[in-house]
């Protein structure tokens, strides 16, 4: 069984056919630079081009870097603020043959990890964190998603946790992995005190270097690297679209 997923990011928009049995991309994904400024209409156009290039006419799943409720964007991270209050489902629906299911990008990555990756068959409270420009989060209780958590913005020592602990902070301040791991540790301490997860999955590009920093963490919760890497958003979007009944 196949689905189709598109992952909208601040720098690139990528999409591909997905094998929903295995949780793998089918063939090469197509990536197109995100239009600048990242306004809704140009972005819709790029998504339409990606879907058309694969000849896909069925339902598609699309990730968005912000809080998504009933197809409407309520926040907009790393894209233009004009997205806020926009019905993204309707906007995309005018550019693709099938119907559209939109969801938060971290939630999509989490769905993929829970079904096919590091969280497979895990019960209890599982927290997926994606470390990139900011920190994205996806919370699961016995495999069920609690949508639109924004744990990157919890206050840690008087500022947003992601400001000091995101992967971008490590690069911006030229921190060593041990230095940055100390900041991630502090962020996770605060998060653990409020949520008490049973497992933490860490994703984003920095998860490829997990051996350099995950063993340095002193959290009481087991921390494991994500397994689907950069394909998680596309896979999770396709999965969400295939399992959500049409409204």
Protein backbone atom coordinates (compact mmCIF):
# COMPACT_ATOMS: atom_id res chain seq x y z
CA UNK A 1 0.00 0.00 0.00
CA UNK A 2 1.35 3.39 -0.99
CA UNK A 3 0.75 6.93 0.20
CA UNK A 4 2.21 10.32 -0.56
CA UNK A 5 3.83 12.78 1.81
CA UNK A 6 5.20 16.31 1.49
CA UNK A 7 7.39 18.00 4.10
CA UNK A 8 7.33 21.83 4.08
CA UNK A 9 10.43 23.33 5.69
CA UNK A 10 11.96 26.78 5.95
CA UNK A 11 14.67 25.99 3.40
CA UNK A 12 13.26 23.14 1.30
CA UNK A 13 10.01 21.40 0.36
CA UNK A 14 10.35 17.68 -0.30
CA UNK A 15 7.93 14.94 -1.24
CA UNK A 16 7.83 11.31 -2.27
CA UNK A 17 5.76 8.17 -2.61
CA UNK A 18 5.80 6.12 0.59
CA UNK A 19 5.53 2.37 1.14
CA UNK A 20 3.14 2.32 4.11
CA UNK A 21 3.89 -1.31 4.95
CA UNK A 22 7.61 -0.67 5.48
CA UNK A 23 7.65 3.05 6.27
CA UNK A 24 10.12 3.73 3.47
CA UNK A 25 10.29 6.12 0.54
CA UNK A 26 9.61 4.58 -2.89
CA UNK A 27 12.31 5.81 -5.25
CA UNK A 28 14.01 9.21 -5.06
CA UNK A 29 12.34 12.05 -3.21
CA UNK A 30 12.01 15.41 -4.98
CA UNK A 31 13.26 18.50 -3.14
CA UNK A 32 12.62 22.08 -4.28
CA UNK A 33 13.93 25.19 -2.51
CA UNK A 34 11.30 26.94 -0.40
CA UNK A 35 10.23 30.17 -2.15
CA UNK A 36 11.53 33.32 -0.45
CA UNK A 37 9.60 34.95 1.04
CA UNK A 38 7.75 31.75 1.99
CA UNK A 39 4.25 33.06 1.26
CA UNK A 40 1.29 30.66 1.02
CA UNK A 41 0.57 30.83 -2.74
CA UNK A 42 4.15 30.21 -3.96
CA UNK A 43 4.52 27.34 -1.45
CA UNK A 44 1.21 25.80 -2.58
CA UNK A 45 2.53 25.99 -6.15
CA UNK A 46 5.70 24.08 -5.24
CA UNK A 47 3.70 21.36 -3.46
CA UNK A 48 1.50 21.07 -6.54
CA UNK A 49 4.56 20.67 -8.79
CA UNK A 50 5.99 17.94 -6.55
CA UNK A 51 2.74 15.95 -6.47
CA UNK A 52 2.26 16.35 -10.25
CA UNK A 53 5.82 15.14 -10.97
CA UNK A 54 4.96 11.77 -9.39
CA UNK A 55 1.58 11.53 -11.13
CA UNK A 56 -0.11 11.03 -7.75
CA UNK A 57 -3.86 11.75 -7.70
CA UNK A 58 -4.91 10.38 -4.31
CA UNK A 59 -4.96 11.85 -0.82
CA UNK A 60 -1.71 13.49 0.36
CA UNK A 61 -0.27 14.31 3.75
CA UNK A 62 1.59 17.59 4.22
CA UNK A 63 3.66 18.74 7.18
CA UNK A 64 3.77 22.38 8.25
CA UNK A 65 6.22 24.06 10.68
CA UNK A 66 3.58 25.37 13.06
CA UNK A 67 0.51 24.51 15.12
CA UNK A 68 -2.18 22.99 12.88
CA UNK A 69 -5.84 22.67 13.91
CA UNK A 70 -8.51 21.44 11.47
CA UNK A 71 -6.28 22.42 8.56
CA UNK A 72 -5.68 25.98 9.80
CA UNK A 73 -2.20 27.26 10.74
CA UNK A 74 -2.11 28.94 14.16
CA UNK A 75 1.64 29.62 14.30
CA UNK A 76 4.35 29.83 11.63
CA UNK A 77 7.96 28.95 12.43
CA UNK A 78 10.62 29.72 9.79
CA UNK A 79 8.03 30.70 7.17
CA UNK A 80 6.15 33.97 6.59
CA UNK A 81 3.81 35.17 9.35
CA UNK A 82 1.03 35.63 6.79
CA UNK A 83 0.37 31.87 7.18
CA UNK A 84 -1.20 32.43 10.61
CA UNK A 85 -4.97 31.97 10.35
CA UNK A 86 -4.70 30.49 6.84
CA UNK A 87 -6.74 27.41 5.86
CA UNK A 88 -3.80 25.42 4.51
CA UNK A 89 -5.95 22.37 3.65
CA UNK A 90 -8.14 24.47 1.35
CA UNK A 91 -5.19 26.35 -0.17
CA UNK A 92 -3.31 23.16 -0.99
CA UNK A 93 -6.49 21.42 -2.14
CA UNK A 94 -6.77 23.90 -5.01
CA UNK A 95 -3.33 22.87 -6.32
CA UNK A 96 -3.47 19.06 -6.09
CA UNK A 97 -5.88 16.46 -7.55
CA UNK A 98 -6.75 14.72 -4.27
CA UNK A 99 -7.67 15.76 -0.75
CA UNK A 100 -5.14 17.02 1.80
CA UNK A 101 -4.29 16.20 5.42
CA UNK A 102 -2.02 18.74 7.12
CA UNK A 103 -0.24 18.30 10.44
CA UNK A 104 2.61 19.76 12.46
CA UNK A 105 6.03 18.68 11.18
CA UNK A 106 7.29 17.30 14.51
CA UNK A 107 4.01 15.41 14.99
CA UNK A 108 4.50 13.82 11.55
CA UNK A 109 8.06 12.76 12.39
CA UNK A 110 6.81 11.32 15.67
CA UNK A 111 4.06 9.30 13.98
CA UNK A 112 6.67 7.77 11.66
CA UNK A 113 9.00 6.87 14.54
CA UNK A 114 6.17 5.37 16.59
CA UNK A 115 4.94 3.20 13.73
CA UNK A 116 8.20 2.19 12.04
CA UNK A 117 11.16 3.40 14.10
CA UNK A 118 12.53 3.91 17.60
CA UNK A 119 9.10 4.05 19.26
CA UNK A 120 7.61 0.98 17.60
CA UNK A 121 5.36 -1.03 19.96
CA UNK A 122 6.21 1.26 22.90
CA UNK A 123 3.45 1.88 25.43
CA UNK A 124 3.38 4.58 28.11
CA UNK A 125 4.44 8.19 27.55
CA UNK A 126 6.86 8.64 24.65
CA UNK A 127 8.29 12.04 23.74
CA UNK A 128 9.87 12.74 20.35
CA UNK A 129 12.08 15.84 20.14
CA UNK A 130 13.54 17.16 16.88
CA UNK A 131 16.60 19.36 17.26
CA UNK A 132 17.13 21.82 14.40
CA UNK A 133 16.61 25.56 13.99
CA UNK A 134 14.31 25.20 17.01
CA UNK A 135 13.10 22.20 19.00
CA UNK A 136 10.00 20.40 17.75
CA UNK A 137 8.07 17.98 19.94
CA UNK A 138 5.56 15.16 19.58
CA UNK A 139 3.97 13.50 22.61
CA UNK A 140 2.40 10.03 22.58
CA UNK A 141 0.39 8.24 25.26
CA UNK A 142 0.10 4.49 24.60
CA UNK A 143 0.81 5.17 20.93
CA UNK A 144 -1.79 7.95 20.58
CA UNK A 145 -0.58 11.41 19.53
CA UNK A 146 -1.31 14.46 21.68
CA UNK A 147 -1.12 16.99 18.81
CA UNK A 148 0.60 20.37 18.67
CA UNK A 149 2.75 20.26 21.79
CA UNK A 150 5.20 23.15 21.70
CA UNK A 151 7.77 21.99 24.22
CA UNK A 152 10.55 23.92 22.48
CA UNK A 153 9.04 26.98 24.11
CA UNK A 154 8.99 25.82 27.72
CA UNK A 155 10.87 28.24 29.95
CA UNK A 156 14.32 27.09 31.04
CA UNK A 157 16.20 29.50 33.30
CA UNK A 158 14.14 32.44 32.09
CA UNK A 159 14.13 31.86 28.31
CA UNK A 160 12.71 29.54 25.65
CA UNK A 161 14.37 26.13 25.97
CA UNK A 162 15.08 26.01 22.25
CA UNK A 163 17.01 29.27 22.37
CA UNK A 164 19.89 27.60 24.19
CA UNK A 165 19.41 23.91 23.43
CA UNK A 166 18.43 23.75 19.72
CA UNK A 167 20.99 22.40 17.25
CA UNK A 168 21.23 25.91 15.77
CA UNK A 169 22.50 27.21 19.13
CA UNK A 170 25.36 24.69 19.04
CA UNK A 171 26.36 25.90 15.58
CA UNK A 172 25.78 29.60 16.25
CA UNK A 173 27.87 29.61 19.42
CA UNK A 174 30.40 27.06 18.14
CA UNK A 175 29.82 24.74 21.11
CA UNK A 176 31.52 21.37 21.48
CA UNK A 177 29.21 18.38 21.75
CA UNK A 178 29.90 18.06 25.52
CA UNK A 179 29.08 21.76 26.02
CA UNK A 180 25.89 21.50 24.04
CA UNK A 181 24.91 18.21 25.74
CA UNK A 182 25.03 20.08 29.04
CA UNK A 183 22.43 22.51 27.74
CA UNK A 184 20.24 19.70 26.37
CA UNK A 185 20.51 18.02 29.79
CA UNK A 186 19.24 21.15 31.54
CA UNK A 187 16.37 21.46 29.06
CA UNK A 188 15.40 17.80 29.51
CA UNK A 189 15.51 18.16 33.32
CA UNK A 190 12.80 20.83 33.13
CA UNK A 191 10.78 18.84 30.61
CA UNK A 192 11.00 15.63 32.64
CA UNK A 193 9.79 17.41 35.76
CA UNK A 194 6.56 18.34 33.98
CA UNK A 195 5.85 15.37 31.71
CA UNK A 196 7.64 12.29 33.20
CA UNK A 197 8.07 10.40 29.90
CA UNK A 198 9.00 6.72 29.71
CA UNK A 199 11.12 7.18 26.57
CA UNK A 200 12.62 10.16 24.72
CA UNK A 201 13.40 9.87 20.99
CA UNK A 202 15.74 12.52 19.60
CA UNK A 203 15.59 13.44 15.92
CA UNK A 204 16.70 16.17 13.54
CA UNK A 205 19.98 16.25 11.66
CA UNK A 206 21.98 16.10 14.89
CA UNK A 207 20.58 12.62 15.64
CA UNK A 208 23.05 11.28 13.04
CA UNK A 209 25.80 12.24 15.53
CA UNK A 210 23.90 10.80 18.52
CA UNK A 211 26.99 8.87 19.71
CA UNK A 212 28.73 12.21 20.35
CA UNK A 213 26.16 13.60 22.79
CA UNK A 214 23.39 11.20 23.82
CA UNK A 215 25.71 9.12 26.08
CA UNK A 216 26.63 12.38 27.90
CA UNK A 217 23.04 13.03 29.02
CA UNK A 218 22.15 12.34 32.65
CA UNK A 219 18.36 12.14 32.23
CA UNK A 220 16.44 9.56 34.22
CA UNK A 221 14.47 8.77 31.04
CA UNK A 222 16.10 6.53 28.41
CA UNK A 223 17.07 8.62 25.34
CA UNK A 224 17.41 6.94 21.92
CA UNK A 225 18.13 8.38 18.46
CA UNK A 226 15.41 8.48 15.79
CA UNK A 227 15.74 5.87 13.07
CA UNK A 228 14.05 7.41 10.02
CA UNK A 229 16.30 10.50 9.93
CA UNK A 230 15.25 13.11 7.35
CA UNK A 231 12.55 10.91 5.80
CA UNK A 232 10.40 10.89 8.96
CA UNK A 233 8.30 13.93 8.02
CA UNK A 234 7.39 12.60 4.58
CA UNK A 235 6.62 9.12 5.93
CA UNK A 236 4.57 10.44 8.87
CA UNK A 237 2.58 12.78 6.63
CA UNK A 238 1.71 9.97 4.23
CA UNK A 239 0.73 7.75 7.16
CA UNK A 240 -1.53 10.42 8.68
CA UNK A 241 -3.26 10.99 5.34
CA UNK A 242 -3.87 7.29 4.80
CA UNK A 243 -5.37 6.71 8.24
CA UNK A 244 -7.51 9.82 8.61
CA UNK A 245 -11.08 9.35 7.34
CA UNK A 246 -12.30 12.04 4.97
CA UNK A 247 -14.24 14.78 6.71
